[in-house]
């Protein structure tokens, strides 16, 4: 796992507040980092590594079932909304760095 991936997961876990983003159950020993847009080579070519590696593309779930529910890869509109959210998030780093 790269340093970028470790940071991505730490940020997503902190944002989750210790609960599953799908069902709201407390995260236990089987918590999973789930990509909203899957971390695959085709998706990296399509969306770019910086979208796939964004902390906003990762959520924490309590189970494989909830992990799959977080996947928006087949919904182009949802993917584009997430990309816009990531763009705004990244843009704020440069426009308002404080």
PDB file of N, CA and C in Angstrom:
ATOM      1  N   UNK A   1       0.848  -1.179   0.000  1.00  0.00           N
ATOM      2  CA  UNK A   1       0.000   0.000   0.000  1.00  0.00           C
ATOM      3  C   UNK A   1       0.894   1.243   0.000  1.00  0.00           C
ATOM      4  N   UNK A   2       0.574   2.178  -0.863  1.00  0.00           N
ATOM      5  CA  UNK A   2       1.382   3.386  -0.963  1.00  0.00           C
ATOM      6  C   UNK A   2       1.043   4.351   0.169  1.00  0.00           C
ATOM      7  N   UNK A   3       1.918   5.343   0.369  1.00  0.00           N
ATOM      8  CA  UNK A   3       1.656   6.371   1.382  1.00  0.00           C
ATOM      9  C   UNK A   3       0.363   7.119   1.064  1.00  0.00           C
ATOM     10  N   UNK A   4       0.128   7.370  -0.227  1.00  0.00           N
ATOM     11  CA  UNK A   4      -1.088   8.060  -0.653  1.00  0.00           C
ATOM     12  C   UNK A   4      -2.334   7.247  -0.289  1.00  0.00           C
ATOM     13  N   UNK A   5      -2.275   5.942  -0.493  1.00  0.00           N
ATOM     14  CA  UNK A   5      -3.409   5.088  -0.156  1.00  0.00           C
ATOM     15  C   UNK A   5      -3.629   5.039   1.350  1.00  0.00           C
ATOM     16  N   UNK A   6      -2.544   4.997   2.116  1.00  0.00           N
ATOM     17  CA  UNK A   6      -2.667   5.004   3.576  1.00  0.00           C
ATOM     18  C   UNK A   6      -3.328   6.295   4.059  1.00  0.00           C
ATOM     19  N   UNK A   7      -2.896   7.418   3.490  1.00  0.00           N
ATOM     20  CA  UNK A   7      -3.476   8.711   3.861  1.00  0.00           C
ATOM     21  C   UNK A   7      -4.948   8.771   3.464  1.00  0.00           C
ATOM     22  N   UNK A   8      -5.265   8.268   2.283  1.00  0.00           N
ATOM     23  CA  UNK A   8      -6.646   8.226   1.802  1.00  0.00           C
ATOM     24  C   UNK A   8      -7.519   7.467   2.797  1.00  0.00           C
ATOM     25  N   UNK A   9      -7.067   6.338   3.254  1.00  0.00           N
ATOM     26  CA  UNK A   9      -7.845   5.516   4.173  1.00  0.00           C
ATOM     27  C   UNK A   9      -7.953   6.143   5.555  1.00  0.00           C
ATOM     28  N   UNK A  10      -6.869   6.746   6.039  1.00  0.00           N
ATOM     29  CA  UNK A  10      -6.919   7.427   7.350  1.00  0.00           C
ATOM     30  C   UNK A  10      -7.942   8.561   7.323  1.00  0.00           C
ATOM     31  N   UNK A  11      -7.919   9.342   6.248  1.00  0.00           N
ATOM     32  CA  UNK A  11      -8.860  10.460   6.129  1.00  0.00           C
ATOM     33  C   UNK A  11     -10.294   9.955   6.063  1.00  0.00           C
ATOM     34  N   UNK A  12     -10.536   8.945   5.238  1.00  0.00           N
ATOM     35  CA  UNK A  12     -11.890   8.402   5.108  1.00  0.00           C
ATOM     36  C   UNK A  12     -12.386   7.826   6.431  1.00  0.00           C
ATOM     37  N   UNK A  13     -11.513   7.144   7.158  1.00  0.00           N
ATOM     38  CA  UNK A  13     -11.899   6.580   8.451  1.00  0.00           C
ATOM     39  C   UNK A  13     -12.244   7.689   9.441  1.00  0.00           C
ATOM     40  N   UNK A  14     -11.456   8.741   9.454  1.00  0.00           N
ATOM     41  CA  UNK A  14     -11.741   9.869  10.343  1.00  0.00           C
ATOM     42  C   UNK A  14     -13.079  10.506   9.993  1.00  0.00           C
ATOM     43  N   UNK A  15     -13.354  10.660   8.709  1.00  0.00           N
ATOM     44  CA  UNK A  15     -14.609  11.268   8.271  1.00  0.00           C
ATOM     45  C   UNK A  15     -15.811  10.387   8.602  1.00  0.00           C
ATOM     46  N   UNK A  16     -15.613   9.064   8.651  1.00  0.00           N
ATOM     47  CA  UNK A  16     -16.736   8.148   8.875  1.00  0.00           C
ATOM     48  C   UNK A  16     -17.309   8.272  10.289  1.00  0.00           C
ATOM     49  N   UNK A  17     -16.503   8.744  11.218  1.00  0.00           N
ATOM     50  CA  UNK A  17     -16.965   8.847  12.596  1.00  0.00           C
ATOM     51  C   UNK A  17     -17.112   7.489  13.269  1.00  0.00           C
ATOM     52  N   UNK A  18     -16.505   6.468  12.688  1.00  0.00           N
ATOM     53  CA  UNK A  18     -16.551   5.141  13.287  1.00  0.00           C
ATOM     54  C   UNK A  18     -17.809   4.346  13.008  1.00  0.00           C
ATOM     55  N   UNK A  19     -18.619   4.832  12.055  1.00  0.00           N
ATOM     56  CA  UNK A  19     -19.835   4.096  11.695  1.00  0.00           C
ATOM     57  C   UNK A  19     -19.861   3.820  10.196  1.00  0.00           C
ATOM     58  N   UNK A  20     -20.558   2.758   9.813  1.00  0.00           N
ATOM     59  CA  UNK A  20     -20.712   2.374   8.417  1.00  0.00           C
ATOM     60  C   UNK A  20     -21.458   3.475   7.667  1.00  0.00           C
ATOM     61  N   UNK A  21     -20.930   3.859   6.514  1.00  0.00           N
ATOM     62  CA  UNK A  21     -21.563   4.932   5.733  1.00  0.00           C
ATOM     63  C   UNK A  21     -22.860   4.495   5.068  1.00  0.00           C
ATOM     64  N   UNK A  22     -23.115   3.195   5.006  1.00  0.00           N
ATOM     65  CA  UNK A  22     -24.331   2.702   4.361  1.00  0.00           C
ATOM     66  C   UNK A  22     -25.443   2.458   5.371  1.00  0.00           C
ATOM     67  N   UNK A  23     -25.143   1.667   6.413  1.00  0.00           N
ATOM     68  CA  UNK A  23     -26.202   1.270   7.345  1.00  0.00           C
ATOM     69  C   UNK A  23     -26.119   1.958   8.707  1.00  0.00           C
ATOM     70  N   UNK A  24     -24.997   2.628   9.010  1.00  0.00           N
ATOM     71  CA  UNK A  24     -24.857   3.346  10.266  1.00  0.00           C
ATOM     72  C   UNK A  24     -24.416   2.513  11.451  1.00  0.00           C
ATOM     73  N   UNK A  25     -24.157   1.215  11.234  1.00  0.00           N
ATOM     74  CA  UNK A  25     -23.683   0.370  12.334  1.00  0.00           C
ATOM     75  C   UNK A  25     -22.254   0.763  12.706  1.00  0.00           C
ATOM     76  N   UNK A  26     -21.877   0.561  13.968  1.00  0.00           N
ATOM     77  CA  UNK A  26     -20.487   0.832  14.358  1.00  0.00           C
ATOM     78  C   UNK A  26     -19.527  -0.053  13.555  1.00  0.00           C
ATOM     79  N   UNK A  27     -18.396   0.514  13.182  1.00  0.00           N
ATOM     80  CA  UNK A  27     -17.389  -0.256  12.459  1.00  0.00           C
ATOM     81  C   UNK A  27     -16.691  -1.185  13.431  1.00  0.00           C
ATOM     82  N   UNK A  28     -16.563  -2.426  13.068  1.00  0.00           N
ATOM     83  CA  UNK A  28     -15.900  -3.412  13.913  1.00  0.00           C
ATOM     84  C   UNK A  28     -14.612  -3.894  13.277  1.00  0.00           C
ATOM     85  N   UNK A  29     -14.217  -5.056  13.666  1.00  0.00           N
ATOM     86  CA  UNK A  29     -12.963  -5.646  13.185  1.00  0.00           C
ATOM     87  C   UNK A  29     -12.995  -5.938  11.690  1.00  0.00           C
ATOM     88  N   UNK A  30     -14.183  -6.052  11.116  1.00  0.00           N
ATOM     89  CA  UNK A  30     -14.300  -6.383   9.691  1.00  0.00           C
ATOM     90  C   UNK A  30     -14.582  -5.162   8.825  1.00  0.00           C
ATOM     91  N   UNK A  31     -14.300  -3.981   9.347  1.00  0.00           N
ATOM     92  CA  UNK A  31     -14.517  -2.750   8.582  1.00  0.00           C
ATOM     93  C   UNK A  31     -13.705  -2.785   7.287  1.00  0.00           C
ATOM     94  N   UNK A  32     -14.301  -2.230   6.241  1.00  0.00           N
ATOM     95  CA  UNK A  32     -13.667  -2.237   4.935  1.00  0.00           C
ATOM     96  C   UNK A  32     -13.641  -0.831   4.355  1.00  0.00           C
ATOM     97  N   UNK A  33     -12.524  -0.502   3.727  1.00  0.00           N
ATOM     98  CA  UNK A  33     -12.454   0.738   2.954  1.00  0.00           C
ATOM     99  C   UNK A  33     -13.052   0.425   1.587  1.00  0.00           C
ATOM    100  N   UNK A  34     -14.110   1.124   1.233  1.00  0.00           N
ATOM    101  CA  UNK A  34     -14.832   0.851  -0.015  1.00  0.00           C
ATOM    102  C   UNK A  34     -14.694   2.035  -0.963  1.00  0.00           C
ATOM    103  N   UNK A  35     -14.294   1.758  -2.183  1.00  0.00           N
ATOM    104  CA  UNK A  35     -14.218   2.808  -3.195  1.00  0.00           C
ATOM    105  C   UNK A  35     -15.592   3.015  -3.819  1.00  0.00           C
ATOM    106  N   UNK A  36     -15.998   4.259  -3.924  1.00  0.00           N
ATOM    107  CA  UNK A  36     -17.256   4.575  -4.589  1.00  0.00           C
ATOM    108  C   UNK A  36     -17.120   4.291  -6.093  1.00  0.00           C
ATOM    109  N   UNK A  37     -16.029   4.747  -6.685  1.00  0.00           N
ATOM    110  CA  UNK A  37     -15.651   4.367  -8.051  1.00  0.00           C
ATOM    111  C   UNK A  37     -14.496   3.389  -7.856  1.00  0.00           C
ATOM    112  N   UNK A  38     -14.682   2.156  -8.291  1.00  0.00           N
ATOM    113  CA  UNK A  38     -13.732   1.080  -7.991  1.00  0.00           C
ATOM    114  C   UNK A  38     -12.305   1.406  -8.422  1.00  0.00           C
ATOM    115  N   UNK A  39     -11.372   0.911  -7.631  1.00  0.00           N
ATOM    116  CA  UNK A  39      -9.950   1.096  -7.880  1.00  0.00           C
ATOM    117  C   UNK A  39      -9.481   0.027  -8.870  1.00  0.00           C
ATOM    118  N   UNK A  40      -9.769   0.264 -10.154  1.00  0.00           N
ATOM    119  CA  UNK A  40      -9.373  -0.657 -11.212  1.00  0.00           C
ATOM    120  C   UNK A  40      -8.560   0.092 -12.256  1.00  0.00           C
ATOM    121  N   UNK A  41      -7.772  -0.626 -13.037  1.00  0.00           N
ATOM    122  CA  UNK A  41      -6.990   0.013 -14.100  1.00  0.00           C
ATOM    123  C   UNK A  41      -7.887   0.737 -15.109  1.00  0.00           C
ATOM    124  N   UNK A  42      -9.006   0.125 -15.569  1.00  0.00           N
ATOM    125  CA  UNK A  42      -9.880   0.864 -16.498  1.00  0.00           C
ATOM    126  C   UNK A  42     -10.413   2.165 -15.887  1.00  0.00           C
ATOM    127  N   UNK A  43     -10.783   2.142 -14.601  1.00  0.00           N
ATOM    128  CA  UNK A  43     -11.278   3.364 -13.963  1.00  0.00           C
ATOM    129  C   UNK A  43     -10.166   4.383 -13.783  1.00  0.00           C
ATOM    130  N   UNK A  44      -8.947   3.932 -13.517  1.00  0.00           N
ATOM    131  CA  UNK A  44      -7.818   4.864 -13.411  1.00  0.00           C
ATOM    132  C   UNK A  44      -7.563   5.536 -14.762  1.00  0.00           C
ATOM    133  N   UNK A  45      -7.709   4.793 -15.849  1.00  0.00           N
ATOM    134  CA  UNK A  45      -7.540   5.402 -17.174  1.00  0.00           C
ATOM    135  C   UNK A  45      -8.691   6.363 -17.476  1.00  0.00           C
ATOM    136  N   UNK A  46      -9.887   5.981 -17.099  1.00  0.00           N
ATOM    137  CA  UNK A  46     -11.076   6.792 -17.403  1.00  0.00           C
ATOM    138  C   UNK A  46     -11.148   8.062 -16.555  1.00  0.00           C
ATOM    139  N   UNK A  47     -10.987   7.925 -15.236  1.00  0.00           N
ATOM    140  CA  UNK A  47     -11.198   9.037 -14.314  1.00  0.00           C
ATOM    141  C   UNK A  47      -9.908   9.685 -13.832  1.00  0.00           C
ATOM    142  N   UNK A  48      -8.807   8.958 -13.890  1.00  0.00           N
ATOM    143  CA  UNK A  48      -7.531   9.470 -13.405  1.00  0.00           C
ATOM    144  C   UNK A  48      -7.253   8.986 -11.992  1.00  0.00           C
ATOM    145  N   UNK A  49      -5.993   8.751 -11.710  1.00  0.00           N
ATOM    146  CA  UNK A  49      -5.596   8.245 -10.403  1.00  0.00           C
ATOM    147  C   UNK A  49      -5.970   9.207  -9.285  1.00  0.00           C
ATOM    148  N   UNK A  50      -5.910  10.512  -9.545  1.00  0.00           N
ATOM    149  CA  UNK A  50      -6.186  11.464  -8.471  1.00  0.00           C
ATOM    150  C   UNK A  50      -7.663  11.451  -8.077  1.00  0.00           C
ATOM    151  N   UNK A  51      -8.572  11.019  -8.956  1.00  0.00           N
ATOM    152  CA  UNK A  51      -9.980  10.833  -8.588  1.00  0.00           C
ATOM    153  C   UNK A  51     -10.116   9.542  -7.777  1.00  0.00           C
ATOM    154  N   UNK A  52      -9.557   8.468  -8.290  1.00  0.00           N
ATOM    155  CA  UNK A  52      -9.650   7.173  -7.616  1.00  0.00           C
ATOM    156  C   UNK A  52      -8.994   7.226  -6.242  1.00  0.00           C
ATOM    157  N   UNK A  53      -7.876   7.954  -6.127  1.00  0.00           N
ATOM    158  CA  UNK A  53      -7.138   8.024  -4.865  1.00  0.00           C
ATOM    159  C   UNK A  53      -7.631   9.112  -3.917  1.00  0.00           C
ATOM    160  N   UNK A  54      -8.639   9.852  -4.299  1.00  0.00           N
ATOM    161  CA  UNK A  54      -9.161  10.912  -3.432  1.00  0.00           C
ATOM    162  C   UNK A  54      -9.819  10.316  -2.192  1.00  0.00           C
ATOM    163  N   UNK A  55      -9.616  10.938  -1.036  1.00  0.00           N
ATOM    164  CA  UNK A  55     -10.315  10.473   0.171  1.00  0.00           C
ATOM    165  C   UNK A  55     -11.839  10.525   0.015  1.00  0.00           C
ATOM    166  N   UNK A  56     -12.334  11.389  -0.857  1.00  0.00           N
ATOM    167  CA  UNK A  56     -13.778  11.474  -1.069  1.00  0.00           C
ATOM    168  C   UNK A  56     -14.320  10.277  -1.845  1.00  0.00           C
ATOM    169  N   UNK A  57     -13.439   9.518  -2.495  1.00  0.00           N
ATOM    170  CA  UNK A  57     -13.856   8.332  -3.230  1.00  0.00           C
ATOM    171  C   UNK A  57     -13.880   7.092  -2.333  1.00  0.00           C
ATOM    172  N   UNK A  58     -13.509   7.223  -1.088  1.00  0.00           N
ATOM    173  CA  UNK A  58     -13.458   6.072  -0.176  1.00  0.00           C
ATOM    174  C   UNK A  58     -14.407   6.303   0.986  1.00  0.00           C
ATOM    175  N   UNK A  59     -15.122   5.254   1.322  1.00  0.00           N
ATOM    176  CA  UNK A  59     -15.963   5.275   2.510  1.00  0.00           C
ATOM    177  C   UNK A  59     -15.714   4.015   3.305  1.00  0.00           C
ATOM    178  N   UNK A  60     -16.023   4.040   4.579  1.00  0.00           N
ATOM    179  CA  UNK A  60     -15.852   2.851   5.400  1.00  0.00           C
ATOM    180  C   UNK A  60     -17.185   2.169   5.607  1.00  0.00           C
ATOM    181  N   UNK A  61     -17.162   0.842   5.440  1.00  0.00           N
ATOM    182  CA  UNK A  61     -18.365   0.031   5.570  1.00  0.00           C
ATOM    183  C   UNK A  61     -18.114  -1.112   6.553  1.00  0.00           C
ATOM    184  N   UNK A  62     -19.201  -1.687   7.040  1.00  0.00           N
ATOM    185  CA  UNK A  62     -19.099  -2.748   8.048  1.00  0.00           C
ATOM    186  C   UNK A  62     -19.070  -4.142   7.449  1.00  0.00           C
ATOM    187  N   UNK A  63     -19.426  -4.277   6.167  1.00  0.00           N
ATOM    188  CA  UNK A  63     -19.532  -5.609   5.572  1.00  0.00           C
ATOM    189  C   UNK A  63     -19.345  -5.532   4.065  1.00  0.00           C
ATOM    190  N   UNK A  64     -19.192  -6.700   3.457  1.00  0.00           N
ATOM    191  CA  UNK A  64     -19.069  -6.780   2.002  1.00  0.00           C
ATOM    192  C   UNK A  64     -20.354  -6.298   1.325  1.00  0.00           C
ATOM    193  N   UNK A  65     -21.491  -6.592   1.939  1.00  0.00           N
ATOM    194  CA  UNK A  65     -22.773  -6.149   1.392  1.00  0.00           C
ATOM    195  C   UNK A  65     -22.856  -4.620   1.348  1.00  0.00           C
ATOM    196  N   UNK A  66     -22.488  -3.974   2.441  1.00  0.00           N
ATOM    197  CA  UNK A  66     -22.494  -2.512   2.478  1.00  0.00           C
ATOM    198  C   UNK A  66     -21.423  -1.944   1.555  1.00  0.00           C
ATOM    199  N   UNK A  67     -20.282  -2.632   1.454  1.00  0.00           N
ATOM    200  CA  UNK A  67     -19.217  -2.219   0.536  1.00  0.00           C
ATOM    201  C   UNK A  67     -19.767  -2.125  -0.875  1.00  0.00           C
ATOM    202  N   UNK A  68     -20.476  -3.166  -1.311  1.00  0.00           N
ATOM    203  CA  UNK A  68     -21.029  -3.177  -2.667  1.00  0.00           C
ATOM    204  C   UNK A  68     -22.081  -2.082  -2.844  1.00  0.00           C
ATOM    205  N   UNK A  69     -22.836  -1.788  -1.797  1.00  0.00           N
ATOM    206  CA  UNK A  69     -23.862  -0.742  -1.878  1.00  0.00           C
ATOM    207  C   UNK A  69     -23.260   0.641  -2.095  1.00  0.00           C
ATOM    208  N   UNK A  70     -22.019   0.833  -1.673  1.00  0.00           N
ATOM    209  CA  UNK A  70     -21.354   2.125  -1.825  1.00  0.00           C
ATOM    210  C   UNK A  70     -20.839   2.343  -3.250  1.00  0.00           C
ATOM    211  N   UNK A  71     -20.755   1.267  -4.035  1.00  0.00           N
ATOM    212  CA  UNK A  71     -20.226   1.326  -5.407  1.00  0.00           C
ATOM    213  C   UNK A  71     -21.182   2.091  -6.317  1.00  0.00           C
ATOM    214  N   UNK A  72     -20.704   3.192  -6.908  1.00  0.00           N
ATOM    215  CA  UNK A  72     -21.525   3.983  -7.829  1.00  0.00           C
ATOM    216  C   UNK A  72     -21.013   3.881  -9.268  1.00  0.00           C
ATOM    217  N   UNK A  73     -20.088   2.961  -9.502  1.00  0.00           N
ATOM    218  CA  UNK A  73     -19.415   2.871 -10.791  1.00  0.00           C
ATOM    219  C   UNK A  73     -20.304   2.695 -12.002  1.00  0.00           C
ATOM    220  N   UNK A  74     -21.475   2.123 -11.836  1.00  0.00           N
ATOM    221  CA  UNK A  74     -22.372   1.906 -12.977  1.00  0.00           C
ATOM    222  C   UNK A  74     -23.341   3.072 -13.189  1.00  0.00           C
ATOM    223  N   UNK A  75     -23.303   4.059 -12.319  1.00  0.00           N
ATOM    224  CA  UNK A  75     -24.192   5.222 -12.412  1.00  0.00           C
ATOM    225  C   UNK A  75     -23.358   6.427 -12.840  1.00  0.00           C
ATOM    226  N   UNK A  76     -23.356   6.692 -14.151  1.00  0.00           N
ATOM    227  CA  UNK A  76     -22.502   7.756 -14.682  1.00  0.00           C
ATOM    228  C   UNK A  76     -22.817   9.107 -14.045  1.00  0.00           C
ATOM    229  N   UNK A  77     -24.075   9.389 -13.804  1.00  0.00           N
ATOM    230  CA  UNK A  77     -24.446  10.651 -13.168  1.00  0.00           C
ATOM    231  C   UNK A  77     -23.873  10.778 -11.768  1.00  0.00           C
ATOM    232  N   UNK A  78     -23.956   9.706 -10.988  1.00  0.00           N
ATOM    233  CA  UNK A  78     -23.403   9.717  -9.628  1.00  0.00           C
ATOM    234  C   UNK A  78     -21.882   9.863  -9.673  1.00  0.00           C
ATOM    235  N   UNK A  79     -21.257   9.210 -10.648  1.00  0.00           N
ATOM    236  CA  UNK A  79     -19.796   9.339 -10.791  1.00  0.00           C
ATOM    237  C   UNK A  79     -19.420  10.786 -11.105  1.00  0.00           C
ATOM    238  N   UNK A  80     -20.151  11.411 -12.021  1.00  0.00           N
ATOM    239  CA  UNK A  80     -19.848  12.792 -12.380  1.00  0.00           C
ATOM    240  C   UNK A  80     -20.070  13.739 -11.206  1.00  0.00           C
ATOM    241  N   UNK A  81     -21.110  13.484 -10.399  1.00  0.00           N
ATOM    242  CA  UNK A  81     -21.334  14.300  -9.199  1.00  0.00           C
ATOM    243  C   UNK A  81     -20.170  14.163  -8.227  1.00  0.00           C
ATOM    244  N   UNK A  82     -19.684  12.935  -8.052  1.00  0.00           N
ATOM    245  CA  UNK A  82     -18.537  12.720  -7.164  1.00  0.00           C
ATOM    246  C   UNK A  82     -17.300  13.417  -7.705  1.00  0.00           C
ATOM    247  N   UNK A  83     -17.064  13.329  -9.006  1.00  0.00           N
ATOM    248  CA  UNK A  83     -15.908  13.995  -9.613  1.00  0.00           C
ATOM    249  C   UNK A  83     -15.999  15.505  -9.390  1.00  0.00           C
ATOM    250  N   UNK A  84     -17.176  16.078  -9.547  1.00  0.00           N
ATOM    251  CA  UNK A  84     -17.353  17.510  -9.289  1.00  0.00           C
ATOM    252  C   UNK A  84     -17.038  17.842  -7.831  1.00  0.00           C
ATOM    253  N   UNK A  85     -17.503  17.004  -6.909  1.00  0.00           N
ATOM    254  CA  UNK A  85     -17.244  17.219  -5.488  1.00  0.00           C
ATOM    255  C   UNK A  85     -15.742  17.164  -5.206  1.00  0.00           C
ATOM    256  N   UNK A  86     -15.051  16.204  -5.830  1.00  0.00           N
ATOM    257  CA  UNK A  86     -13.604  16.083  -5.653  1.00  0.00           C
ATOM    258  C   UNK A  86     -12.904  17.303  -6.231  1.00  0.00           C
ATOM    259  N   UNK A  87     -13.345  17.764  -7.404  1.00  0.00           N
ATOM    260  CA  UNK A  87     -12.752  18.958  -8.013  1.00  0.00           C
ATOM    261  C   UNK A  87     -12.891  20.170  -7.095  1.00  0.00           C
ATOM    262  N   UNK A  88     -14.081  20.367  -6.525  1.00  0.00           N
ATOM    263  CA  UNK A  88     -14.295  21.494  -5.605  1.00  0.00           C
ATOM    264  C   UNK A  88     -13.420  21.359  -4.358  1.00  0.00           C
ATOM    265  N   UNK A  89     -13.319  20.148  -3.837  1.00  0.00           N
ATOM    266  CA  UNK A  89     -12.491  19.871  -2.658  1.00  0.00           C
ATOM    267  C   UNK A  89     -11.036  20.207  -2.948  1.00  0.00           C
ATOM    268  N   UNK A  90     -10.522  19.753  -4.087  1.00  0.00           N
ATOM    269  CA  UNK A  90      -9.131  20.004  -4.453  1.00  0.00           C
ATOM    270  C   UNK A  90      -8.907  21.486  -4.772  1.00  0.00           C
ATOM    271  N   UNK A  91      -9.871  22.116  -5.411  1.00  0.00           N
ATOM    272  CA  UNK A  91      -9.753  23.528  -5.770  1.00  0.00           C
ATOM    273  C   UNK A  91      -9.629  24.403  -4.527  1.00  0.00           C
ATOM    274  N   UNK A  92     -10.333  24.071  -3.472  1.00  0.00           N
ATOM    275  CA  UNK A  92     -10.270  24.851  -2.231  1.00  0.00           C
ATOM    276  C   UNK A  92      -8.865  24.866  -1.645  1.00  0.00           C
ATOM    277  N   UNK A  93      -8.094  23.841  -1.896  1.00  0.00           N
ATOM    278  CA  UNK A  93      -6.720  23.794  -1.392  1.00  0.00           C
ATOM    279  C   UNK A  93      -5.876  24.895  -2.007  1.00  0.00           C
ATOM    280  N   UNK A  94      -6.205  25.300  -3.216  1.00  0.00           N
ATOM    281  CA  UNK A  94      -5.426  26.299  -3.917  1.00  0.00           C
ATOM    282  C   UNK A  94      -6.012  27.700  -3.802  1.00  0.00           C
ATOM    283  N   UNK A  95      -7.320  27.787  -3.700  1.00  0.00           N
ATOM    284  CA  UNK A  95      -7.982  29.080  -3.622  1.00  0.00           C
ATOM    285  C   UNK A  95      -7.989  29.614  -2.195  1.00  0.00           C
ATOM    286  N   UNK A  96      -8.289  28.768  -1.236  1.00  0.00           N
ATOM    287  CA  UNK A  96      -8.377  29.155   0.157  1.00  0.00           C
ATOM    288  C   UNK A  96      -7.563  28.184   1.010  1.00  0.00           C
ATOM    289  N   UNK A  97      -6.238  28.291   0.967  1.00  0.00           N
ATOM    290  CA  UNK A  97      -5.392  27.321   1.653  1.00  0.00           C
ATOM    291  C   UNK A  97      -5.484  27.344   3.187  1.00  0.00           C
ATOM    292  N   UNK A  98      -6.120  28.314   3.766  1.00  0.00           N
ATOM    293  CA  UNK A  98      -6.223  28.386   5.225  1.00  0.00           C
ATOM    294  C   UNK A  98      -7.419  27.671   5.673  1.00  0.00           C
TER     295      UNK A  98
END
